[in-house]
Amino acid sequence: MPKMNTVSGAKKRFKLTSSGKIKRKHAFKSHILTKKGTKQKRNLTHTAIVHKADEKNVKLQLCI
């Protein structure tokens, strides 16, 4: 059986917290920011936790 490798895109996008949850960044904060309001941009700055439904797939990609 071949070795399991981490998905290199996933290791750049996700970090593990000390309690075992997975942190992620918000989308829609990279470009075309002139038409977005200040409040929206501020709220997109903060990190979020990966949803429980997606957690299994992300952990597989990170080989956890």
Protein backbone atom coordinates (compact mmCIF):
# COMPACT_ATOMS: atom_id res chain seq x y z
CA MET A 1 0.00 0.00 0.00
CA PRO A 2 1.43 3.44 -0.88
CA LYS A 3 2.14 6.07 1.74
CA MET A 4 -0.49 8.70 2.42
CA ASN A 5 0.76 12.18 1.56
CA THR A 6 -0.72 15.43 2.81
CA VAL A 7 -2.40 17.59 0.19
CA SER A 8 0.00 20.50 -0.19
CA GLY A 9 -2.86 22.96 -0.76
CA ALA A 10 -4.48 21.85 2.50
CA LYS A 11 -1.36 22.24 4.62
CA LYS A 12 -1.11 25.87 3.47
CA ARG A 13 -4.77 26.62 4.26
CA PHE A 14 -5.51 24.86 7.56
CA LYS A 15 -3.97 24.90 11.04
CA LEU A 16 -4.75 22.71 14.03
CA THR A 17 -5.75 24.22 17.37
CA SER A 18 -4.59 22.75 20.67
CA SER A 19 -8.05 21.28 21.29
CA GLY A 20 -7.98 19.44 17.94
CA LYS A 21 -10.23 21.74 15.93
CA ILE A 22 -9.17 23.01 12.51
CA LYS A 23 -8.81 26.73 11.83
CA ARG A 24 -9.42 28.27 8.41
CA LYS A 25 -9.43 31.71 6.85
CA HIS A 26 -12.44 33.36 5.26
CA ALA A 27 -12.78 33.59 1.50
CA PHE A 28 -13.51 36.80 -0.49
CA LYS A 29 -10.75 38.89 1.13
CA SER A 30 -8.04 38.74 -1.55
CA HIS A 31 -9.06 41.20 -4.26
CA ILE A 32 -11.92 43.42 -5.55
CA LEU A 33 -12.19 44.98 -2.11
CA THR A 34 -13.39 48.43 -3.24
CA LYS A 35 -17.03 47.38 -3.61
CA LYS A 36 -17.10 45.57 -0.27
CA GLY A 37 -18.03 47.48 2.85
CA THR A 38 -15.68 48.13 5.76
CA LYS A 39 -17.77 45.97 8.08
CA GLN A 40 -17.70 43.03 5.67
CA LYS A 41 -13.93 43.28 5.20
CA ARG A 42 -13.38 43.52 8.96
CA ASN A 43 -15.50 40.43 9.63
CA LEU A 44 -13.67 38.45 6.94
CA THR A 45 -10.34 39.18 8.64
CA HIS A 46 -10.95 36.84 11.59
CA THR A 47 -10.27 33.12 11.42
CA ALA A 48 -13.04 30.56 11.63
CA ILE A 49 -13.40 26.91 12.58
CA VAL A 50 -14.01 24.27 9.89
CA HIS A 51 -17.60 23.00 9.98
CA LYS A 52 -18.17 19.57 11.51
CA ALA A 53 -19.48 18.17 8.19
CA ASP A 54 -16.21 19.07 6.43
CA GLU A 55 -13.87 18.12 9.27
CA LYS A 56 -13.43 14.49 8.18
CA ASN A 57 -12.34 15.43 4.65
CA VAL A 58 -9.88 18.05 5.87
CA LYS A 59 -8.34 15.62 8.36
CA LEU A 60 -7.89 13.07 5.57
CA GLN A 61 -6.12 15.69 3.45
CA LEU A 62 -3.84 16.58 6.38
CA CYS A 63 -3.26 12.88 7.24
CA ILE A 64 -4.44 13.32 10.82
